[in-house]
Structures are given as C-alpha cells and as structure tokens.
Amino acid sequence: MNKSFRDIRVFLAKTSADITNLEKMLTKVLLRAGFNVFTLQNFDNQDTIVQKTEIAIQNSDCSIHLMGKNYGENIVFAPPMSLPEFQFETARIRNQHETDFKIFVWQPESEIDIEQRQKKFIHRIRNSIHHNMIFSNQESVVAFVEDIRAMISNENLSNIELKPSDIFFMYNELDNDSASETLELLSDIVKVEKLKVEQNTNYEELVVQQIGCSKLAVIYFEQMADWALPFVQQVWKKIGGASSKTPLVLIGNANLNGNRNKIFDAPNVTSLILAPELIPLEIKVLFDKNLENQ
C-alpha cells in the first residue's frame, strides 16, 4: 500500500557524542521533509536496551544510522559492542527477514581520525550491503534526506495498483483545500482517481501509467500556478503530446487574479481559468465531449 511520508516511521539510531549536533540537524530536516521520526534516549540497563531497541525497530518502516568518528562506549553484551552497533545489528536482522524494511547508513565526514573500532564497524557495514540497504557519503544533510525520499518514492510507486478511471485528477498538496471541494462534487457524477503531488517527489511513472488508464486527465491549480505550468508541459510530452489517446485539461481557479494568463497552449490540451463553482461542471462537459469524439 502506498504511504505518504507522514505515515513512514523512521527510527533514528543512537549516534556517538562527536556528531550530536549533526544528529539534531538531520532530525530537523527529516521532520521538515514530512517523515515521522523517533529515537530512543534513556536506558536503565541492558534488558531495557534490548527490549526498547527491538520494539522500536519492529515498529518502524526504516532506520537511519549516522556514522561519526568515535565508536562509543561498550554496552554489556557478549561480544561487547556500542549502542549504535547493537541498534544497527538489530535493524540488519529485521532487514534480512523482511526485505521491505530499509536501512540507511550515513557517513558524511572523512575517514581521517576515525577510531580503530569505528573503522572496523564501518568496514563490516560496507561489506554487508544488500537489498534495501543504502550507504551514503553525502556531505549535505538535505541531499541525504532527498536520497531517502527518492528511494521511498520509487518503492511506493512500484507498489501502486493502477485503477481505470473516468478522470485522473492531479493537484499540488498546497492546493489541497480548494481541490478537495472540486473533487467532492466530481466524484458524485464520474469515477475519479486523484493524485496529490507532494513537493520534491517524482511521480513521473505513476502519472504516465494512470493517465493511460483514464479517459480524461485534469491538472488543477489555485495557488500553485508556477508548479502547474511546467508540470502539465512535462506530462504532455511524456504521454506522447498530440498523439496521446487521453486529453489533458489544465484548469485554474479564477479567485486569484494572477491566474488569468496561466495557460498552456498545445494540441490535445484544454486550458481554462474559471470561477471555482464552475470548475466541476466544465470538467464534466469536457469529459462528455471526449466520450462523443471517441
């Protein structure tokens, strides 16, 4: 089942003290990107460490392991290991048994001055990379999080079940409120599949395939005209332009004066700027006209 980023639980494993500030920055960027992030802070004893770590890993969709220069203090195990290594091993065991569980390892700093035990730990990780495990040396926190989003987006798209529809209705997440009103009215009279496009997420494969399963494709905007124009141009090219069997409609909300001239003129594309109360009716008219011409 496809998940939004807000539904994806990310376990951020314990890090060594030398990269605490970087861990805080990573947490902030993950939260801003829409992920549901959690970590474990305080442990009373070895049994608590084991129990809380296992529960956290089991209740997450993926884990992130940030590699610093220090190995960290041993916790009481045989063989003894640091808490970051124990949490990685717990995640690795789940990954081996459940291939949809993803592990992201990030080592942003150079290998200069790394403690010997930490070097050995990182070396073991790099030599055990397999399906749904990613090791990254990205220098930027933002770039690393974007890599995570891209991997999860691709996985989500590959799992989406395409559904034949009368109308495929696309809109930017920032136009959600006004788009929902139009969708509610449309859904009463035709079969609609919708796509709320989230920022910095690649929907190319899904859009092309779902348009192929639909009789009419609609791209709606109110506030997000600057997103809609390049989006419709890209979609038009990807589905074959004038030769596509599915017509495109770019339709904007006239409540914003700046939308008046936001149109895309191309074969097999209808561009309209209308009062919001007229939008559902006009889409239905265009849908019926398309059925007559088939």
C-alpha atoms as a PDB file:
ATOM      1  CA  MET A   1       0.000   0.000   0.000  1.00  0.00           C
ATOM      2  CA  ASN A   2       1.301   3.454  -0.898  1.00  0.00           C
ATOM      3  CA  LYS A   3       2.212   5.643   2.065  1.00  0.00           C
ATOM      4  CA  SER A   4       2.668   9.375   2.378  1.00  0.00           C
ATOM      5  CA  PHE A   5       5.874  10.464   4.061  1.00  0.00           C
ATOM      6  CA  ARG A   6       3.892  11.373   7.181  1.00  0.00           C
ATOM      7  CA  ASP A   7       2.932   7.703   7.508  1.00  0.00           C
ATOM      8  CA  ILE A   8       6.534   6.473   7.281  1.00  0.00           C
ATOM      9  CA  ARG A   9       8.064   5.829  10.704  1.00  0.00           C
ATOM     10  CA  VAL A  10      11.795   6.472  10.691  1.00  0.00           C
ATOM     11  CA  PHE A  11      13.889   5.111  13.546  1.00  0.00           C
ATOM     12  CA  LEU A  12      16.967   7.296  14.026  1.00  0.00           C
ATOM     13  CA  ALA A  13      19.538   5.128  15.763  1.00  0.00           C
ATOM     14  CA  LYS A  14      21.829   6.285  18.548  1.00  0.00           C
ATOM     15  CA  THR A  15      24.955   8.166  17.474  1.00  0.00           C
ATOM     16  CA  SER A  16      28.278   8.800  19.144  1.00  0.00           C
ATOM     17  CA  ALA A  17      28.737  12.020  21.107  1.00  0.00           C
ATOM     18  CA  ASP A  18      31.003  13.639  18.483  1.00  0.00           C
ATOM     19  CA  ILE A  19      28.112  14.092  15.998  1.00  0.00           C
ATOM     20  CA  THR A  20      25.256  15.063  18.316  1.00  0.00           C
ATOM     21  CA  ASN A  21      24.763  18.408  16.555  1.00  0.00           C
ATOM     22  CA  LEU A  22      24.640  16.716  13.161  1.00  0.00           C
ATOM     23  CA  GLU A  23      22.067  14.255  14.508  1.00  0.00           C
ATOM     24  CA  LYS A  24      19.872  17.165  15.649  1.00  0.00           C
ATOM     25  CA  MET A  25      20.176  18.810  12.230  1.00  0.00           C
ATOM     26  CA  LEU A  26      19.278  15.550  10.487  1.00  0.00           C
ATOM     27  CA  THR A  27      16.213  15.173  12.705  1.00  0.00           C
ATOM     28  CA  LYS A  28      15.017  18.679  11.823  1.00  0.00           C
ATOM     29  CA  VAL A  29      15.445  18.119   8.080  1.00  0.00           C
ATOM     30  CA  LEU A  30      13.644  14.769   8.235  1.00  0.00           C
ATOM     31  CA  LEU A  31      10.730  16.350  10.088  1.00  0.00           C
ATOM     32  CA  ARG A  32      10.564  19.227   7.611  1.00  0.00           C
ATOM     33  CA  ALA A  33      10.509  16.663   4.798  1.00  0.00           C
ATOM     34  CA  GLY A  34       7.386  15.186   6.364  1.00  0.00           C
ATOM     35  CA  PHE A  35       8.762  11.997   7.933  1.00  0.00           C
ATOM     36  CA  ASN A  36       7.587  10.605  11.270  1.00  0.00           C
ATOM     37  CA  VAL A  37      10.900  10.430  13.158  1.00  0.00           C
ATOM     38  CA  PHE A  38      11.568   8.861  16.537  1.00  0.00           C
ATOM     39  CA  THR A  39      14.591   7.827  18.564  1.00  0.00           C
ATOM     40  CA  LEU A  40      15.436   6.287  21.944  1.00  0.00           C
ATOM     41  CA  GLN A  41      17.133   8.343  24.605  1.00  0.00           C
ATOM     42  CA  ASN A  42      17.449   6.866  28.095  1.00  0.00           C
ATOM     43  CA  PHE A  43      18.192   3.276  29.108  1.00  0.00           C
ATOM     44  CA  ASP A  44      18.280   1.900  32.650  1.00  0.00           C
ATOM     45  CA  ASN A  45      20.025  -1.404  31.996  1.00  0.00           C
ATOM     46  CA  GLN A  46      20.941  -3.991  29.367  1.00  0.00           C
ATOM     47  CA  ASP A  47      17.480  -5.567  29.336  1.00  0.00           C
ATOM     48  CA  THR A  48      15.889  -2.182  28.666  1.00  0.00           C
ATOM     49  CA  ILE A  49      18.325  -1.535  25.820  1.00  0.00           C
ATOM     50  CA  VAL A  50      17.441  -4.835  24.158  1.00  0.00           C
ATOM     51  CA  GLN A  51      13.698  -4.567  24.673  1.00  0.00           C
ATOM     52  CA  LYS A  52      13.277  -0.924  23.604  1.00  0.00           C
ATOM     53  CA  THR A  53      15.541  -1.292  20.577  1.00  0.00           C
ATOM     54  CA  GLU A  54      13.746  -4.392  19.309  1.00  0.00           C
ATOM     55  CA  ILE A  55      10.318  -2.768  19.748  1.00  0.00           C
ATOM     56  CA  ALA A  56      11.459   0.432  18.028  1.00  0.00           C
ATOM     57  CA  ILE A  57      12.916  -1.409  15.032  1.00  0.00           C
ATOM     58  CA  GLN A  58       9.844  -3.622  14.722  1.00  0.00           C
ATOM     59  CA  ASN A  59       7.514  -0.617  14.750  1.00  0.00           C
ATOM     60  CA  SER A  60       9.411   1.345  12.108  1.00  0.00           C
ATOM     61  CA  ASP A  61       9.464   1.300   8.299  1.00  0.00           C
ATOM     62  CA  CYS A  62      13.153   2.107   8.022  1.00  0.00           C
ATOM     63  CA  SER A  63      16.145   3.002  10.154  1.00  0.00           C
ATOM     64  CA  ILE A  64      18.891   5.594   9.780  1.00  0.00           C
ATOM     65  CA  HIS A  65      22.379   5.060  11.220  1.00  0.00           C
ATOM     66  CA  LEU A  66      24.667   8.073  11.382  1.00  0.00           C
ATOM     67  CA  MET A  67      28.371   7.215  11.500  1.00  0.00           C
ATOM     68  CA  GLY A  68      30.732   9.533  13.378  1.00  0.00           C
ATOM     69  CA  LYS A  69      34.442   9.264  14.139  1.00  0.00           C
ATOM     70  CA  ASN A  70      34.001   7.672  17.576  1.00  0.00           C
ATOM     71  CA  TYR A  71      32.821   4.154  18.270  1.00  0.00           C
ATOM     72  CA  GLY A  72      31.127   4.959  21.565  1.00  0.00           C
ATOM     73  CA  GLU A  73      31.064   3.186  24.894  1.00  0.00           C
ATOM     74  CA  ASN A  74      30.519  -0.545  25.140  1.00  0.00           C
ATOM     75  CA  ILE A  75      27.238  -1.772  26.484  1.00  0.00           C
ATOM     76  CA  VAL A  76      27.210  -5.057  28.366  1.00  0.00           C
ATOM     77  CA  PHE A  77      26.973  -7.741  25.689  1.00  0.00           C
ATOM     78  CA  ALA A  78      28.961 -10.734  24.567  1.00  0.00           C
ATOM     79  CA  PRO A  79      30.772  -9.762  22.490  1.00  0.00           C
ATOM     80  CA  PRO A  80      30.700  -6.212  23.847  1.00  0.00           C
ATOM     81  CA  MET A  81      29.587  -3.572  21.370  1.00  0.00           C
ATOM     82  CA  SER A  82      28.457   0.034  21.314  1.00  0.00           C
ATOM     83  CA  LEU A  83      24.802   1.009  21.344  1.00  0.00           C
ATOM     84  CA  PRO A  84      24.974   2.337  17.719  1.00  0.00           C
ATOM     85  CA  GLU A  85      26.368  -1.034  16.570  1.00  0.00           C
ATOM     86  CA  PHE A  86      23.780  -3.012  18.520  1.00  0.00           C
ATOM     87  CA  GLN A  87      20.958  -0.967  17.016  1.00  0.00           C
ATOM     88  CA  PHE A  88      22.388  -1.444  13.519  1.00  0.00           C
ATOM     89  CA  GLU A  89      22.646  -5.217  14.058  1.00  0.00           C
ATOM     90  CA  THR A  90      19.032  -5.318  15.273  1.00  0.00           C
ATOM     91  CA  ALA A  91      17.923  -3.448  12.139  1.00  0.00           C
ATOM     92  CA  ARG A  92      20.037  -5.700   9.911  1.00  0.00           C
ATOM     93  CA  ILE A  93      18.386  -8.824  11.325  1.00  0.00           C
ATOM     94  CA  ARG A  94      14.937  -7.435  10.532  1.00  0.00           C
ATOM     95  CA  ASN A  95      16.102  -6.422   7.041  1.00  0.00           C
ATOM     96  CA  GLN A  96      17.285  -9.986   6.371  1.00  0.00           C
ATOM     97  CA  HIS A  97      13.871 -11.402   7.277  1.00  0.00           C
ATOM     98  CA  GLU A  98      11.674  -8.612   5.887  1.00  0.00           C
ATOM     99  CA  THR A  99      13.036  -7.225   2.639  1.00  0.00           C
ATOM    100  CA  ASP A 100      10.691  -4.210   2.629  1.00  0.00           C
ATOM    101  CA  PHE A 101      12.429  -2.838   5.743  1.00  0.00           C
ATOM    102  CA  LYS A 102      15.034  -0.290   4.624  1.00  0.00           C
ATOM    103  CA  ILE A 103      18.326   0.685   6.255  1.00  0.00           C
ATOM    104  CA  PHE A 104      20.103   3.967   5.513  1.00  0.00           C
ATOM    105  CA  VAL A 105      23.690   4.398   6.744  1.00  0.00           C
ATOM    106  CA  TRP A 106      25.213   7.870   6.515  1.00  0.00           C
ATOM    107  CA  GLN A 107      28.897   8.665   6.949  1.00  0.00           C
ATOM    108  CA  PRO A 108      29.163  12.349   5.964  1.00  0.00           C
ATOM    109  CA  GLU A 109      32.648  13.066   7.304  1.00  0.00           C
ATOM    110  CA  SER A 110      36.024  11.896   6.014  1.00  0.00           C
ATOM    111  CA  GLU A 111      37.714   8.801   7.405  1.00  0.00           C
ATOM    112  CA  ILE A 112      40.579  10.830   8.865  1.00  0.00           C
ATOM    113  CA  ASP A 113      40.971  10.474  12.655  1.00  0.00           C
ATOM    114  CA  ILE A 114      38.318   7.763  12.966  1.00  0.00           C
ATOM    115  CA  GLU A 115      38.795   5.437  15.933  1.00  0.00           C
ATOM    116  CA  GLN A 116      40.006   1.972  15.014  1.00  0.00           C
ATOM    117  CA  ARG A 117      36.918   0.157  16.334  1.00  0.00           C
ATOM    118  CA  GLN A 118      34.695   2.559  14.423  1.00  0.00           C
ATOM    119  CA  LYS A 119      36.686   1.890  11.238  1.00  0.00           C
ATOM    120  CA  LYS A 120      36.150  -1.841  11.678  1.00  0.00           C
ATOM    121  CA  PHE A 121      32.439  -1.302  12.332  1.00  0.00           C
ATOM    122  CA  ILE A 122      32.014   0.809   9.171  1.00  0.00           C
ATOM    123  CA  HIS A 123      34.053  -1.699   7.179  1.00  0.00           C
ATOM    124  CA  ARG A 124      31.720  -4.502   8.291  1.00  0.00           C
ATOM    125  CA  ILE A 125      28.701  -2.460   7.227  1.00  0.00           C
ATOM    126  CA  ARG A 126      30.120  -1.668   3.798  1.00  0.00           C
ATOM    127  CA  ASN A 127      30.896  -5.319   3.194  1.00  0.00           C
ATOM    128  CA  SER A 128      27.415  -6.490   4.141  1.00  0.00           C
ATOM    129  CA  ILE A 129      25.321  -4.130   1.979  1.00  0.00           C
ATOM    130  CA  HIS A 130      22.427  -5.927   0.312  1.00  0.00           C
ATOM    131  CA  HIS A 131      18.832  -5.340  -0.797  1.00  0.00           C
ATOM    132  CA  ASN A 132      17.225  -2.207   0.693  1.00  0.00           C
ATOM    133  CA  MET A 133      20.433  -1.125   2.447  1.00  0.00           C
ATOM    134  CA  ILE A 134      21.972   2.175   1.370  1.00  0.00           C
ATOM    135  CA  PHE A 135      25.384   3.503   2.430  1.00  0.00           C
ATOM    136  CA  SER A 136      25.842   7.209   1.724  1.00  0.00           C
ATOM    137  CA  ASN A 137      28.771   9.629   1.897  1.00  0.00           C
ATOM    138  CA  GLN A 138      26.668  12.679   1.028  1.00  0.00           C
ATOM    139  CA  GLU A 139      28.169  15.803   2.566  1.00  0.00           C
ATOM    140  CA  SER A 140      24.836  17.628   2.773  1.00  0.00           C
ATOM    141  CA  VAL A 141      22.063  16.731   5.216  1.00  0.00           C
ATOM    142  CA  VAL A 142      19.460  17.954   2.731  1.00  0.00           C
ATOM    143  CA  ALA A 143      20.928  15.867  -0.120  1.00  0.00           C
ATOM    144  CA  PHE A 144      20.971  12.761   2.088  1.00  0.00           C
ATOM    145  CA  VAL A 145      17.307  13.228   3.042  1.00  0.00           C
ATOM    146  CA  GLU A 146      16.400  13.785  -0.617  1.00  0.00           C
ATOM    147  CA  ASP A 147      18.065  10.447  -1.439  1.00  0.00           C
ATOM    148  CA  ILE A 148      15.878   8.801   1.205  1.00  0.00           C
ATOM    149  CA  ARG A 149      12.742  10.439  -0.214  1.00  0.00           C
ATOM    150  CA  ALA A 150      13.640   9.341  -3.734  1.00  0.00           C
ATOM    151  CA  MET A 151      14.198   5.717  -2.732  1.00  0.00           C
ATOM    152  CA  ILE A 152      10.969   5.543  -0.752  1.00  0.00           C
ATOM    153  CA  SER A 153       9.031   7.330  -3.515  1.00  0.00           C
ATOM    154  CA  ASN A 154      10.239   4.849  -6.119  1.00  0.00           C
ATOM    155  CA  GLU A 155       9.290   1.957  -3.850  1.00  0.00           C
ATOM    156  CA  ASN A 156       5.850   3.453  -3.257  1.00  0.00           C
ATOM    157  CA  LEU A 157       5.229   3.984  -6.953  1.00  0.00           C
ATOM    158  CA  SER A 158       6.208   0.439  -7.847  1.00  0.00           C
ATOM    159  CA  ASN A 159       3.609  -0.843  -5.385  1.00  0.00           C
ATOM    160  CA  ILE A 160       0.710   1.311  -6.574  1.00  0.00           C
ATOM    161  CA  GLU A 161      -2.165  -0.514  -8.199  1.00  0.00           C
ATOM    162  CA  LEU A 162      -3.375   1.410 -11.258  1.00  0.00           C
ATOM    163  CA  LYS A 163      -7.146   1.818 -11.460  1.00  0.00           C
ATOM    164  CA  PRO A 164      -9.146   2.513 -14.637  1.00  0.00           C
ATOM    165  CA  SER A 165     -10.987   5.804 -14.190  1.00  0.00           C
ATOM    166  CA  ASP A 166     -13.131   8.341 -15.999  1.00  0.00           C
ATOM    167  CA  ILE A 167     -11.000  11.246 -14.757  1.00  0.00           C
ATOM    168  CA  PHE A 168      -7.497  11.322 -13.320  1.00  0.00           C
ATOM    169  CA  PHE A 169      -7.344  14.486 -11.195  1.00  0.00           C
ATOM    170  CA  MET A 170      -3.918  15.871 -10.206  1.00  0.00           C
ATOM    171  CA  TYR A 171      -3.123  18.800  -7.917  1.00  0.00           C
ATOM    172  CA  ASN A 172      -0.344  20.128  -5.705  1.00  0.00           C
ATOM    173  CA  GLU A 173      -0.541  19.365  -1.980  1.00  0.00           C
ATOM    174  CA  LEU A 174      -0.536  23.118  -1.252  1.00  0.00           C
ATOM    175  CA  ASP A 175      -3.848  23.429  -3.138  1.00  0.00           C
ATOM    176  CA  ASN A 176      -5.427  20.623  -1.168  1.00  0.00           C
ATOM    177  CA  ASP A 177      -8.344  22.562   0.351  1.00  0.00           C
ATOM    178  CA  SER A 178      -9.791  24.001  -2.878  1.00  0.00           C
ATOM    179  CA  ALA A 179      -9.007  20.822  -4.847  1.00  0.00           C
ATOM    180  CA  SER A 180     -10.926  18.735  -2.305  1.00  0.00           C
ATOM    181  CA  GLU A 181     -14.065  20.790  -2.876  1.00  0.00           C
ATOM    182  CA  THR A 182     -13.874  20.201  -6.635  1.00  0.00           C
ATOM    183  CA  LEU A 183     -13.138  16.510  -6.133  1.00  0.00           C
ATOM    184  CA  GLU A 184     -16.114  16.057  -3.837  1.00  0.00           C
ATOM    185  CA  LEU A 185     -18.501  17.375  -6.497  1.00  0.00           C
ATOM    186  CA  LEU A 186     -16.846  15.467  -9.365  1.00  0.00           C
ATOM    187  CA  SER A 187     -16.844  12.167  -7.511  1.00  0.00           C
ATOM    188  CA  ASP A 188     -20.642  12.260  -7.292  1.00  0.00           C
ATOM    189  CA  ILE A 189     -21.031  12.080 -11.075  1.00  0.00           C
ATOM    190  CA  VAL A 190     -17.957  10.301 -12.523  1.00  0.00           C
ATOM    191  CA  LYS A 191     -15.324   7.801 -11.422  1.00  0.00           C
ATOM    192  CA  VAL A 192     -12.301   9.811 -10.288  1.00  0.00           C
ATOM    193  CA  GLU A 193      -8.759   8.808  -9.335  1.00  0.00           C
ATOM    194  CA  LYS A 194      -6.791  11.569  -7.629  1.00  0.00           C
ATOM    195  CA  LEU A 195      -3.116  12.333  -7.099  1.00  0.00           C
ATOM    196  CA  LYS A 196      -1.974  14.887  -4.519  1.00  0.00           C
ATOM    197  CA  VAL A 197       1.532  15.798  -5.662  1.00  0.00           C
ATOM    198  CA  GLU A 198       3.949  16.296  -2.768  1.00  0.00           C
ATOM    199  CA  GLN A 199       6.950  18.567  -3.049  1.00  0.00           C
ATOM    200  CA  ASN A 200      10.276  17.130  -4.300  1.00  0.00           C
ATOM    201  CA  THR A 201       8.726  13.772  -5.171  1.00  0.00           C
ATOM    202  CA  ASN A 202       8.964  12.095  -8.571  1.00  0.00           C
ATOM    203  CA  TYR A 203       5.560  10.905  -9.824  1.00  0.00           C
ATOM    204  CA  GLU A 204       6.517  10.556 -13.490  1.00  0.00           C
ATOM    205  CA  GLU A 205       5.991   6.800 -13.799  1.00  0.00           C
ATOM    206  CA  LEU A 206       2.699   6.815 -11.895  1.00  0.00           C
ATOM    207  CA  VAL A 207       1.289   9.780 -13.823  1.00  0.00           C
ATOM    208  CA  VAL A 208       2.087   8.335 -17.252  1.00  0.00           C
ATOM    209  CA  GLN A 209       0.630   4.926 -16.414  1.00  0.00           C
ATOM    210  CA  GLN A 210      -2.509   6.220 -14.666  1.00  0.00           C
ATOM    211  CA  ILE A 211      -3.271   8.645 -17.495  1.00  0.00           C
ATOM    212  CA  GLY A 212      -3.152   5.663 -19.832  1.00  0.00           C
ATOM    213  CA  CYS A 213      -5.900   4.069 -17.698  1.00  0.00           C
ATOM    214  CA  SER A 214      -8.078   7.193 -17.699  1.00  0.00           C
ATOM    215  CA  LYS A 215     -10.446   8.828 -20.196  1.00  0.00           C
ATOM    216  CA  LEU A 216      -9.531  12.395 -19.217  1.00  0.00           C
ATOM    217  CA  ALA A 217      -6.575  13.810 -17.245  1.00  0.00           C
ATOM    218  CA  VAL A 218      -7.020  17.022 -15.253  1.00  0.00           C
ATOM    219  CA  ILE A 219      -4.330  19.184 -13.659  1.00  0.00           C
ATOM    220  CA  TYR A 220      -5.862  21.664 -11.216  1.00  0.00           C
ATOM    221  CA  PHE A 221      -4.326  24.697  -9.527  1.00  0.00           C
ATOM    222  CA  GLU A 222      -5.257  27.652  -7.390  1.00  0.00           C
ATOM    223  CA  GLN A 223      -2.203  28.961  -5.517  1.00  0.00           C
ATOM    224  CA  MET A 224       0.263  26.744  -7.367  1.00  0.00           C
ATOM    225  CA  ALA A 225       0.214  28.029 -10.963  1.00  0.00           C
ATOM    226  CA  ASP A 226       4.025  28.140 -11.011  1.00  0.00           C
ATOM    227  CA  TRP A 227       4.007  24.411 -10.309  1.00  0.00           C
ATOM    228  CA  ALA A 228       1.133  23.519 -12.654  1.00  0.00           C
ATOM    229  CA  LEU A 229       2.510  25.043 -15.862  1.00  0.00           C
ATOM    230  CA  PRO A 230       5.825  23.169 -16.024  1.00  0.00           C
ATOM    231  CA  PHE A 231       4.084  20.062 -14.667  1.00  0.00           C
ATOM    232  CA  VAL A 232       1.494  19.965 -17.464  1.00  0.00           C
ATOM    233  CA  GLN A 233       4.184  20.580 -20.091  1.00  0.00           C
ATOM    234  CA  GLN A 234       6.243  17.674 -18.783  1.00  0.00           C
ATOM    235  CA  VAL A 235       3.209  15.382 -18.581  1.00  0.00           C
ATOM    236  CA  TRP A 236       2.087  16.302 -22.123  1.00  0.00           C
ATOM    237  CA  LYS A 237       5.488  15.329 -23.530  1.00  0.00           C
ATOM    238  CA  LYS A 238       5.696  12.087 -21.529  1.00  0.00           C
ATOM    239  CA  ILE A 239       2.299  10.789 -22.683  1.00  0.00           C
ATOM    240  CA  GLY A 240       3.028  11.455 -26.364  1.00  0.00           C
ATOM    241  CA  GLY A 241       1.830  15.024 -26.865  1.00  0.00           C
ATOM    242  CA  ALA A 242      -0.829  15.381 -29.568  1.00  0.00           C
ATOM    243  CA  SER A 243      -0.806  11.635 -30.201  1.00  0.00           C
ATOM    244  CA  SER A 244      -1.952  10.708 -26.672  1.00  0.00           C
ATOM    245  CA  LYS A 245      -5.318   8.952 -26.525  1.00  0.00           C
ATOM    246  CA  THR A 246      -6.098  10.732 -23.250  1.00  0.00           C
ATOM    247  CA  PRO A 247      -6.749  14.504 -23.498  1.00  0.00           C
ATOM    248  CA  LEU A 248      -5.282  16.842 -20.892  1.00  0.00           C
ATOM    249  CA  VAL A 249      -7.116  19.643 -19.109  1.00  0.00           C
ATOM    250  CA  LEU A 250      -5.233  22.390 -17.273  1.00  0.00           C
ATOM    251  CA  ILE A 251      -7.770  24.207 -15.152  1.00  0.00           C
ATOM    252  CA  GLY A 252      -7.126  27.063 -12.764  1.00  0.00           C
ATOM    253  CA  ASN A 253      -9.137  28.780 -10.068  1.00  0.00           C
ATOM    254  CA  ALA A 254     -10.018  32.364 -11.050  1.00  0.00           C
ATOM    255  CA  ASN A 255     -10.134  33.511  -7.422  1.00  0.00           C
ATOM    256  CA  LEU A 256      -6.506  34.575  -7.864  1.00  0.00           C
ATOM    257  CA  ASN A 257      -6.126  37.423 -10.340  1.00  0.00           C
ATOM    258  CA  GLY A 258      -2.630  36.266 -11.249  1.00  0.00           C
ATOM    259  CA  ASN A 259      -4.058  33.056 -12.710  1.00  0.00           C
ATOM    260  CA  ARG A 260      -5.770  34.799 -15.631  1.00  0.00           C
ATOM    261  CA  ASN A 261      -2.940  34.234 -18.108  1.00  0.00           C
ATOM    262  CA  LYS A 262      -1.684  30.880 -16.775  1.00  0.00           C
ATOM    263  CA  ILE A 263      -2.485  28.659 -19.733  1.00  0.00           C
ATOM    264  CA  PHE A 264      -0.670  26.010 -21.787  1.00  0.00           C
ATOM    265  CA  ASP A 265      -1.481  26.097 -25.500  1.00  0.00           C
ATOM    266  CA  ALA A 266      -0.822  22.733 -27.167  1.00  0.00           C
ATOM    267  CA  PRO A 267      -2.691  20.116 -29.226  1.00  0.00           C
ATOM    268  CA  ASN A 268      -4.873  17.791 -27.159  1.00  0.00           C
ATOM    269  CA  VAL A 269      -4.744  20.209 -24.186  1.00  0.00           C
ATOM    270  CA  THR A 270      -7.573  22.430 -22.937  1.00  0.00           C
ATOM    271  CA  SER A 271      -6.555  25.338 -20.696  1.00  0.00           C
ATOM    272  CA  LEU A 272      -9.206  27.171 -18.670  1.00  0.00           C
ATOM    273  CA  ILE A 273      -9.351  29.671 -15.795  1.00  0.00           C
ATOM    274  CA  LEU A 274     -12.775  29.602 -14.160  1.00  0.00           C
ATOM    275  CA  ALA A 275     -14.670  30.590 -11.050  1.00  0.00           C
ATOM    276  CA  PRO A 276     -14.404  27.689  -8.571  1.00  0.00           C
ATOM    277  CA  GLU A 277     -18.142  26.887  -8.683  1.00  0.00           C
ATOM    278  CA  LEU A 278     -17.934  26.336 -12.456  1.00  0.00           C
ATOM    279  CA  ILE A 279     -14.882  24.054 -12.468  1.00  0.00           C
ATOM    280  CA  PRO A 280     -16.583  20.678 -11.723  1.00  0.00           C
ATOM    281  CA  LEU A 281     -19.296  21.350 -14.317  1.00  0.00           C
ATOM    282  CA  GLU A 282     -16.804  22.329 -17.020  1.00  0.00           C
ATOM    283  CA  ILE A 283     -14.692  19.225 -16.375  1.00  0.00           C
ATOM    284  CA  LYS A 284     -17.822  17.091 -16.772  1.00  0.00           C
ATOM    285  CA  VAL A 285     -18.682  18.878 -20.042  1.00  0.00           C
ATOM    286  CA  LEU A 286     -15.174  18.207 -21.393  1.00  0.00           C
ATOM    287  CA  PHE A 287     -15.407  14.584 -20.279  1.00  0.00           C
ATOM    288  CA  ASP A 288     -18.724  14.085 -22.100  1.00  0.00           C
ATOM    289  CA  LYS A 289     -17.394  15.782 -25.219  1.00  0.00           C
ATOM    290  CA  ASN A 290     -14.380  13.487 -25.226  1.00  0.00           C
ATOM    291  CA  LEU A 291     -16.658  10.408 -24.983  1.00  0.00           C
ATOM    292  CA  GLU A 292     -18.647  11.644 -28.004  1.00  0.00           C
ATOM    293  CA  ASN A 293     -15.479  12.041 -30.065  1.00  0.00           C
ATOM    294  CA  GLN A 294     -14.128   8.555 -29.317  1.00  0.00           C
END
